[in-house]
Amino acid sequence: MVTTITPGILTICTYTEFAPFSYEEDGEIVGTDIAFLKKFAVKMNLRVKILKREFSGLWETPGLGFCDVSAAGMMKYESRQLGENAVWSDSYMLVTRSLLIRRSDKNDLVSPKDFKGKKIVVTPTSSAHIDGDIRYKSIGAIIVPNVPSQEDIVSQLLSGEIDAFGEGDVSNEYLSEKYTDSNGERLLALADVHAMKSPELLRFAVRSVDPNLPKKLNEYIAKDQSDMNA
């Protein structure tokens, strides 16, 4: 058994513009992170409550007592302080950085230097924002930290208002597969896929008032990794 903020319920805070990790579909919050935590909740005999939050500061929500776990494809950084009442879980996935571009630009936008003067949209305070400032802004790209929604950004990209969308390769591959023309051909492509200086290992932020909660979640992550590698 684990102690949660609301007895019998695992409360999850998430940001819903990081498909396929967490997003909204037909009025329901879904995604791979959400599905994983729901399965964990079943294992712990808990029901689930999901709270929608902004990405910036999402990692702080368990330590502040808003939820038991926060999830949305997050990486651990020194600047992302969890407070005394939360810890990072073990990692459950490794991702790399990428830029989502128009398929028609695939031969012209290849390396960082090709994005000089180009508009690159990123989620504020995300890994893409950090990477964008380091990798592209320094060579003259325009970094735009504003994501009303992934759908809106793809629309801006296809209309030519912006030139690229910075996200992890898993998210951008998902969007690339989703948007196709009448012949089923992809309208988007990934460019400049690369690793950050520190491997981008995704984790959950977990309330640790009851240390058994992060312990049990880490055990569940380890079992899932073992099952995948079997």
C-alpha atoms as a PDB file:
ATOM      1  CA  MET A   1       0.000   0.000   0.000  1.00  0.00           C
ATOM      2  CA  VAL A   2       1.033   3.608  -0.599  1.00  0.00           C
ATOM      3  CA  THR A   3      -0.203   6.835   0.968  1.00  0.00           C
ATOM      4  CA  THR A   4      -1.526   9.379  -1.523  1.00  0.00           C
ATOM      5  CA  ILE A   5      -2.811  12.950  -1.156  1.00  0.00           C
ATOM      6  CA  THR A   6      -6.396  11.719  -1.525  1.00  0.00           C
ATOM      7  CA  PRO A   7      -6.799   8.216  -0.043  1.00  0.00           C
ATOM      8  CA  GLY A   8      -7.425   5.622  -2.725  1.00  0.00           C
ATOM      9  CA  ILE A   9      -6.597   7.980  -5.598  1.00  0.00           C
ATOM     10  CA  LEU A  10      -3.376   8.600  -7.543  1.00  0.00           C
ATOM     11  CA  THR A  11      -3.497  12.272  -8.554  1.00  0.00           C
ATOM     12  CA  ILE A  12      -1.501  13.037 -11.706  1.00  0.00           C
ATOM     13  CA  CYS A  13      -0.505  16.507 -12.894  1.00  0.00           C
ATOM     14  CA  THR A  14       0.269  16.741 -16.600  1.00  0.00           C
ATOM     15  CA  TYR A  15       0.784  19.072 -19.538  1.00  0.00           C
ATOM     16  CA  THR A  16      -1.347  18.040 -22.499  1.00  0.00           C
ATOM     17  CA  GLU A  17       0.610  19.393 -25.484  1.00  0.00           C
ATOM     18  CA  PHE A  18       3.300  16.700 -25.539  1.00  0.00           C
ATOM     19  CA  ALA A  19       1.754  13.971 -27.674  1.00  0.00           C
ATOM     20  CA  PRO A  20       2.257  11.057 -27.597  1.00  0.00           C
ATOM     21  CA  PHE A  21       3.240  11.313 -23.903  1.00  0.00           C
ATOM     22  CA  SER A  22       0.238  13.353 -22.786  1.00  0.00           C
ATOM     23  CA  TYR A  23      -2.490  14.955 -24.880  1.00  0.00           C
ATOM     24  CA  GLU A  24      -6.249  15.393 -25.166  1.00  0.00           C
ATOM     25  CA  GLU A  25      -8.424  13.284 -27.437  1.00  0.00           C
ATOM     26  CA  ASP A  26     -12.214  13.533 -27.563  1.00  0.00           C
ATOM     27  CA  GLY A  27     -12.204  15.462 -24.291  1.00  0.00           C
ATOM     28  CA  GLU A  28     -10.073  12.884 -22.459  1.00  0.00           C
ATOM     29  CA  ILE A  29      -6.457  13.210 -21.349  1.00  0.00           C
ATOM     30  CA  VAL A  30      -4.525  10.278 -22.812  1.00  0.00           C
ATOM     31  CA  GLY A  31      -0.983   9.377 -23.867  1.00  0.00           C
ATOM     32  CA  THR A  32       1.799   6.931 -23.121  1.00  0.00           C
ATOM     33  CA  ASP A  33       2.763   8.569 -19.810  1.00  0.00           C
ATOM     34  CA  ILE A  34      -0.864   8.602 -18.712  1.00  0.00           C
ATOM     35  CA  ALA A  35      -1.475   4.999 -19.766  1.00  0.00           C
ATOM     36  CA  PHE A  36       1.631   3.875 -17.887  1.00  0.00           C
ATOM     37  CA  LEU A  37       0.607   5.626 -14.675  1.00  0.00           C
ATOM     38  CA  LYS A  38      -2.942   4.305 -14.951  1.00  0.00           C
ATOM     39  CA  LYS A  39      -1.567   0.757 -15.112  1.00  0.00           C
ATOM     40  CA  PHE A  40       0.630   1.506 -12.096  1.00  0.00           C
ATOM     41  CA  ALA A  41      -2.435   2.822 -10.243  1.00  0.00           C
ATOM     42  CA  VAL A  42      -4.324  -0.404 -10.965  1.00  0.00           C
ATOM     43  CA  LYS A  43      -1.352  -2.344  -9.594  1.00  0.00           C
ATOM     44  CA  MET A  44      -1.546  -0.245  -6.417  1.00  0.00           C
ATOM     45  CA  ASN A  45      -5.354  -0.599  -6.189  1.00  0.00           C
ATOM     46  CA  LEU A  46      -5.799   3.125  -6.760  1.00  0.00           C
ATOM     47  CA  ARG A  47      -8.187   5.135  -8.875  1.00  0.00           C
ATOM     48  CA  VAL A  48      -6.800   7.991 -10.987  1.00  0.00           C
ATOM     49  CA  LYS A  49      -7.456  11.727 -11.030  1.00  0.00           C
ATOM     50  CA  ILE A  50      -5.744  13.866 -13.681  1.00  0.00           C
ATOM     51  CA  LEU A  51      -5.076  17.594 -13.336  1.00  0.00           C
ATOM     52  CA  LYS A  52      -4.129  19.698 -16.351  1.00  0.00           C
ATOM     53  CA  ARG A  53      -1.226  22.120 -15.778  1.00  0.00           C
ATOM     54  CA  GLU A  54       1.187  24.304 -17.738  1.00  0.00           C
ATOM     55  CA  PHE A  55       4.555  22.707 -18.512  1.00  0.00           C
ATOM     56  CA  SER A  56       6.595  25.383 -16.766  1.00  0.00           C
ATOM     57  CA  GLY A  57       6.955  24.288 -13.141  1.00  0.00           C
ATOM     58  CA  LEU A  58       5.120  21.005 -13.708  1.00  0.00           C
ATOM     59  CA  TRP A  59       7.900  19.151 -11.865  1.00  0.00           C
ATOM     60  CA  GLU A  60       7.221  21.237  -8.724  1.00  0.00           C
ATOM     61  CA  THR A  61       3.581  20.170  -8.333  1.00  0.00           C
ATOM     62  CA  PRO A  62       4.102  16.928  -6.337  1.00  0.00           C
ATOM     63  CA  GLY A  63       6.403  18.625  -3.837  1.00  0.00           C
ATOM     64  CA  LEU A  64       3.873  21.418  -3.382  1.00  0.00           C
ATOM     65  CA  GLY A  65       1.156  18.918  -2.609  1.00  0.00           C
ATOM     66  CA  PHE A  66      -0.975  19.401  -5.724  1.00  0.00           C
ATOM     67  CA  CYS A  67      -0.570  15.822  -6.939  1.00  0.00           C
ATOM     68  CA  ASP A  68       1.209  12.539  -6.308  1.00  0.00           C
ATOM     69  CA  VAL A  69       2.987  12.338  -9.661  1.00  0.00           C
ATOM     70  CA  SER A  70       3.658  14.776 -12.488  1.00  0.00           C
ATOM     71  CA  ALA A  71       4.216  13.495 -16.001  1.00  0.00           C
ATOM     72  CA  ALA A  72       4.840  14.914 -19.472  1.00  0.00           C
ATOM     73  CA  GLY A  73       8.103  13.724 -20.968  1.00  0.00           C
ATOM     74  CA  MET A  74      10.272  15.508 -18.384  1.00  0.00           C
ATOM     75  CA  MET A  75      14.034  15.420 -17.962  1.00  0.00           C
ATOM     76  CA  LYS A  76      15.893  16.051 -14.711  1.00  0.00           C
ATOM     77  CA  TYR A  77      17.861  19.322 -14.585  1.00  0.00           C
ATOM     78  CA  GLU A  78      19.631  20.990 -11.662  1.00  0.00           C
ATOM     79  CA  SER A  79      17.441  24.040 -12.238  1.00  0.00           C
ATOM     80  CA  ARG A  80      14.284  21.942 -11.898  1.00  0.00           C
ATOM     81  CA  GLN A  81      14.030  21.841  -8.133  1.00  0.00           C
ATOM     82  CA  LEU A  82      11.410  19.479  -6.715  1.00  0.00           C
ATOM     83  CA  GLY A  83      11.465  20.678  -3.109  1.00  0.00           C
ATOM     84  CA  GLU A  84      11.853  18.583   0.036  1.00  0.00           C
ATOM     85  CA  ASN A  85       8.726  16.495  -0.487  1.00  0.00           C
ATOM     86  CA  ALA A  86       9.392  15.039  -3.941  1.00  0.00           C
ATOM     87  CA  VAL A  87      11.993  13.077  -5.875  1.00  0.00           C
ATOM     88  CA  TRP A  88      12.674  12.146  -9.483  1.00  0.00           C
ATOM     89  CA  SER A  89      11.723   8.633 -10.492  1.00  0.00           C
ATOM     90  CA  ASP A  90      14.108   6.348 -12.311  1.00  0.00           C
ATOM     91  CA  SER A  91      14.181   6.963 -16.062  1.00  0.00           C
ATOM     92  CA  TYR A  92      11.722   5.173 -18.320  1.00  0.00           C
ATOM     93  CA  MET A  93      12.792   6.389 -21.785  1.00  0.00           C
ATOM     94  CA  LEU A  94      15.679   7.969 -23.669  1.00  0.00           C
ATOM     95  CA  VAL A  95      14.853  10.583 -26.310  1.00  0.00           C
ATOM     96  CA  THR A  96      16.886  12.846 -28.563  1.00  0.00           C
ATOM     97  CA  ARG A  97      16.286  16.391 -29.829  1.00  0.00           C
ATOM     98  CA  SER A  98      14.860  17.165 -33.243  1.00  0.00           C
ATOM     99  CA  LEU A  99      13.208  19.853 -35.324  1.00  0.00           C
ATOM    100  CA  LEU A 100       9.936  19.281 -37.135  1.00  0.00           C
ATOM    101  CA  ILE A 101       9.970  20.985 -40.535  1.00  0.00           C
ATOM    102  CA  ARG A 102       7.960  21.032 -43.760  1.00  0.00           C
ATOM    103  CA  ARG A 103       8.793  18.007 -45.892  1.00  0.00           C
ATOM    104  CA  SER A 104       9.410  20.380 -48.805  1.00  0.00           C
ATOM    105  CA  ASP A 105      12.299  21.926 -46.818  1.00  0.00           C
ATOM    106  CA  LYS A 106      13.963  18.604 -46.043  1.00  0.00           C
ATOM    107  CA  ASN A 107      16.900  19.125 -48.422  1.00  0.00           C
ATOM    108  CA  ASP A 108      17.467  22.752 -47.415  1.00  0.00           C
ATOM    109  CA  LEU A 109      17.198  22.582 -43.622  1.00  0.00           C
ATOM    110  CA  VAL A 110      19.656  19.938 -42.527  1.00  0.00           C
ATOM    111  CA  SER A 111      22.195  21.266 -40.022  1.00  0.00           C
ATOM    112  CA  PRO A 112      22.040  24.029 -37.377  1.00  0.00           C
ATOM    113  CA  LYS A 113      23.605  26.640 -39.684  1.00  0.00           C
ATOM    114  CA  ASP A 114      20.709  26.205 -42.114  1.00  0.00           C
ATOM    115  CA  PHE A 115      18.343  27.653 -39.507  1.00  0.00           C
ATOM    116  CA  LYS A 116      20.003  31.063 -39.355  1.00  0.00           C
ATOM    117  CA  GLY A 117      17.205  33.634 -39.494  1.00  0.00           C
ATOM    118  CA  LYS A 118      14.549  30.899 -39.265  1.00  0.00           C
ATOM    119  CA  LYS A 119      11.740  30.843 -36.693  1.00  0.00           C
ATOM    120  CA  ILE A 120      11.829  27.857 -34.349  1.00  0.00           C
ATOM    121  CA  VAL A 121       8.953  27.391 -31.890  1.00  0.00           C
ATOM    122  CA  VAL A 122       9.581  25.643 -28.563  1.00  0.00           C
ATOM    123  CA  THR A 123       7.619  24.953 -25.387  1.00  0.00           C
ATOM    124  CA  PRO A 124       8.733  27.462 -22.715  1.00  0.00           C
ATOM    125  CA  THR A 125      11.249  26.027 -20.178  1.00  0.00           C
ATOM    126  CA  SER A 126      11.314  22.667 -22.005  1.00  0.00           C
ATOM    127  CA  SER A 127      14.410  20.752 -23.123  1.00  0.00           C
ATOM    128  CA  ALA A 128      13.700  22.077 -26.616  1.00  0.00           C
ATOM    129  CA  HIS A 129      13.867  25.631 -25.251  1.00  0.00           C
ATOM    130  CA  ILE A 130      17.179  24.961 -23.504  1.00  0.00           C
ATOM    131  CA  ASP A 131      18.596  23.208 -26.559  1.00  0.00           C
ATOM    132  CA  GLY A 132      17.246  25.866 -28.930  1.00  0.00           C
ATOM    133  CA  ASP A 133      18.979  28.692 -27.109  1.00  0.00           C
ATOM    134  CA  ILE A 134      22.275  26.812 -27.115  1.00  0.00           C
ATOM    135  CA  ARG A 135      22.242  25.179 -30.547  1.00  0.00           C
ATOM    136  CA  TYR A 136      20.301  27.564 -32.801  1.00  0.00           C
ATOM    137  CA  LYS A 137      19.900  31.001 -31.223  1.00  0.00           C
ATOM    138  CA  SER A 138      23.668  31.365 -31.041  1.00  0.00           C
ATOM    139  CA  ILE A 139      23.894  31.101 -34.855  1.00  0.00           C
ATOM    140  CA  GLY A 140      21.064  33.517 -35.559  1.00  0.00           C
ATOM    141  CA  ALA A 141      17.862  31.487 -35.397  1.00  0.00           C
ATOM    142  CA  ILE A 142      14.784  33.096 -33.854  1.00  0.00           C
ATOM    143  CA  ILE A 143      13.538  31.066 -30.889  1.00  0.00           C
ATOM    144  CA  VAL A 144       9.809  31.519 -30.180  1.00  0.00           C
ATOM    145  CA  PRO A 145       8.808  30.046 -26.769  1.00  0.00           C
ATOM    146  CA  ASN A 146       5.058  29.886 -27.293  1.00  0.00           C
ATOM    147  CA  VAL A 147       2.926  26.785 -27.899  1.00  0.00           C
ATOM    148  CA  PRO A 148      -0.840  27.411 -27.752  1.00  0.00           C
ATOM    149  CA  SER A 149      -1.215  23.797 -28.871  1.00  0.00           C
ATOM    150  CA  GLN A 150       0.706  21.280 -30.967  1.00  0.00           C
ATOM    151  CA  GLU A 151      -2.073  21.449 -33.558  1.00  0.00           C
ATOM    152  CA  ASP A 152      -1.781  25.234 -33.782  1.00  0.00           C
ATOM    153  CA  ILE A 153       1.993  25.055 -34.204  1.00  0.00           C
ATOM    154  CA  VAL A 154       1.708  22.463 -36.978  1.00  0.00           C
ATOM    155  CA  SER A 155      -0.795  24.764 -38.692  1.00  0.00           C
ATOM    156  CA  GLN A 156       1.683  27.666 -38.431  1.00  0.00           C
ATOM    157  CA  LEU A 157       4.425  25.424 -39.795  1.00  0.00           C
ATOM    158  CA  LEU A 158       2.409  24.244 -42.792  1.00  0.00           C
ATOM    159  CA  SER A 159       1.264  27.795 -43.599  1.00  0.00           C
ATOM    160  CA  GLY A 160       4.852  29.086 -43.560  1.00  0.00           C
ATOM    161  CA  GLU A 161       4.452  31.361 -40.524  1.00  0.00           C
ATOM    162  CA  ILE A 162       7.265  29.495 -38.777  1.00  0.00           C
ATOM    163  CA  ASP A 163      10.045  27.214 -40.011  1.00  0.00           C
ATOM    164  CA  ALA A 164      10.460  24.542 -37.345  1.00  0.00           C
ATOM    165  CA  PHE A 165       9.061  23.061 -34.147  1.00  0.00           C
ATOM    166  CA  GLY A 166      11.581  21.892 -31.558  1.00  0.00           C
ATOM    167  CA  GLU A 167      10.580  18.760 -29.644  1.00  0.00           C
ATOM    168  CA  GLY A 168      11.966  15.332 -28.843  1.00  0.00           C
ATOM    169  CA  ASP A 169      12.232  12.816 -31.658  1.00  0.00           C
ATOM    170  CA  VAL A 170       9.360  10.721 -30.263  1.00  0.00           C
ATOM    171  CA  SER A 171       6.938  13.659 -30.239  1.00  0.00           C
ATOM    172  CA  ASN A 172       7.995  14.960 -33.634  1.00  0.00           C
ATOM    173  CA  GLU A 173       7.851  11.516 -35.215  1.00  0.00           C
ATOM    174  CA  TYR A 174       4.304  11.170 -33.870  1.00  0.00           C
ATOM    175  CA  LEU A 175       3.318  14.503 -35.459  1.00  0.00           C
ATOM    176  CA  SER A 176       5.098  13.613 -38.703  1.00  0.00           C
ATOM    177  CA  GLU A 177       3.050  10.428 -38.979  1.00  0.00           C
ATOM    178  CA  LYS A 178      -0.191  12.193 -38.082  1.00  0.00           C
ATOM    179  CA  TYR A 179      -0.218  14.909 -40.755  1.00  0.00           C
ATOM    180  CA  THR A 180      -0.417  13.596 -44.322  1.00  0.00           C
ATOM    181  CA  ASP A 181      -1.779  14.760 -47.678  1.00  0.00           C
ATOM    182  CA  SER A 182      -4.657  13.200 -49.660  1.00  0.00           C
ATOM    183  CA  ASN A 183      -2.275  10.532 -50.959  1.00  0.00           C
ATOM    184  CA  GLY A 184      -1.102   9.566 -47.494  1.00  0.00           C
ATOM    185  CA  GLU A 185       2.287  11.242 -47.992  1.00  0.00           C
ATOM    186  CA  ARG A 186       3.785  12.956 -44.964  1.00  0.00           C
ATOM    187  CA  LEU A 187       3.665  16.749 -44.973  1.00  0.00           C
ATOM    188  CA  LEU A 188       6.321  17.046 -42.275  1.00  0.00           C
ATOM    189  CA  ALA A 189       9.794  15.659 -41.631  1.00  0.00           C
ATOM    190  CA  LEU A 190      12.378  15.560 -38.840  1.00  0.00           C
ATOM    191  CA  ALA A 191      15.612  17.524 -39.168  1.00  0.00           C
ATOM    192  CA  ASP A 192      18.845  17.797 -37.169  1.00  0.00           C
ATOM    193  CA  VAL A 193      18.104  14.852 -34.889  1.00  0.00           C
ATOM    194  CA  HIS A 194      20.764  14.967 -32.173  1.00  0.00           C
ATOM    195  CA  ALA A 195      21.499  14.122 -28.560  1.00  0.00           C
ATOM    196  CA  MET A 196      21.952  16.776 -25.918  1.00  0.00           C
ATOM    197  CA  LYS A 197      25.189  17.000 -23.942  1.00  0.00           C
ATOM    198  CA  SER A 198      23.575  15.001 -21.142  1.00  0.00           C
ATOM    199  CA  PRO A 199      21.444  12.039 -22.256  1.00  0.00           C
ATOM    200  CA  GLU A 200      17.776  13.044 -22.178  1.00  0.00           C
ATOM    201  CA  LEU A 201      16.325  10.445 -19.853  1.00  0.00           C
ATOM    202  CA  LEU A 202      12.631  10.966 -19.174  1.00  0.00           C
ATOM    203  CA  ARG A 203      11.365  10.713 -15.602  1.00  0.00           C
ATOM    204  CA  PHE A 204       8.352  11.386 -13.412  1.00  0.00           C
ATOM    205  CA  ALA A 205       8.388  13.773 -10.452  1.00  0.00           C
ATOM    206  CA  VAL A 206       6.958  11.908  -7.455  1.00  0.00           C
ATOM    207  CA  ARG A 207       5.694  13.050  -4.059  1.00  0.00           C
ATOM    208  CA  SER A 208       7.890  11.428  -1.426  1.00  0.00           C
ATOM    209  CA  VAL A 209       6.046  12.176   1.834  1.00  0.00           C
ATOM    210  CA  ASP A 210       5.419   8.439   1.746  1.00  0.00           C
ATOM    211  CA  PRO A 211       8.760   7.076   0.441  1.00  0.00           C
ATOM    212  CA  ASN A 212       6.971   3.895  -0.528  1.00  0.00           C
ATOM    213  CA  LEU A 213       5.298   5.683  -3.477  1.00  0.00           C
ATOM    214  CA  PRO A 214       8.493   6.464  -5.442  1.00  0.00           C
ATOM    215  CA  LYS A 215       9.889   3.085  -4.388  1.00  0.00           C
ATOM    216  CA  LYS A 216       6.901   1.210  -5.816  1.00  0.00           C
ATOM    217  CA  LEU A 217       6.867   3.349  -8.965  1.00  0.00           C
ATOM    218  CA  ASN A 218      10.561   2.668  -9.580  1.00  0.00           C
ATOM    219  CA  GLU A 219       9.937  -1.049  -9.142  1.00  0.00           C
ATOM    220  CA  TYR A 220       7.138  -0.822 -11.700  1.00  0.00           C
ATOM    221  CA  ILE A 221       9.376   1.092 -14.127  1.00  0.00           C
ATOM    222  CA  ALA A 222      12.107  -1.537 -13.721  1.00  0.00           C
ATOM    223  CA  LYS A 223       9.623  -4.334 -14.422  1.00  0.00           C
ATOM    224  CA  ASP A 224       8.326  -2.550 -17.503  1.00  0.00           C
ATOM    225  CA  GLN A 225      11.857  -2.081 -18.822  1.00  0.00           C
ATOM    226  CA  SER A 226      12.593  -5.740 -18.144  1.00  0.00           C
ATOM    227  CA  ASP A 227       9.445  -6.836 -19.980  1.00  0.00           C
ATOM    228  CA  MET A 228      10.323  -4.679 -22.991  1.00  0.00           C
ATOM    229  CA  ASN A 229      13.830  -6.122 -23.180  1.00  0.00           C
ATOM    230  CA  ALA A 230      12.734  -9.728 -22.685  1.00  0.00           C
END
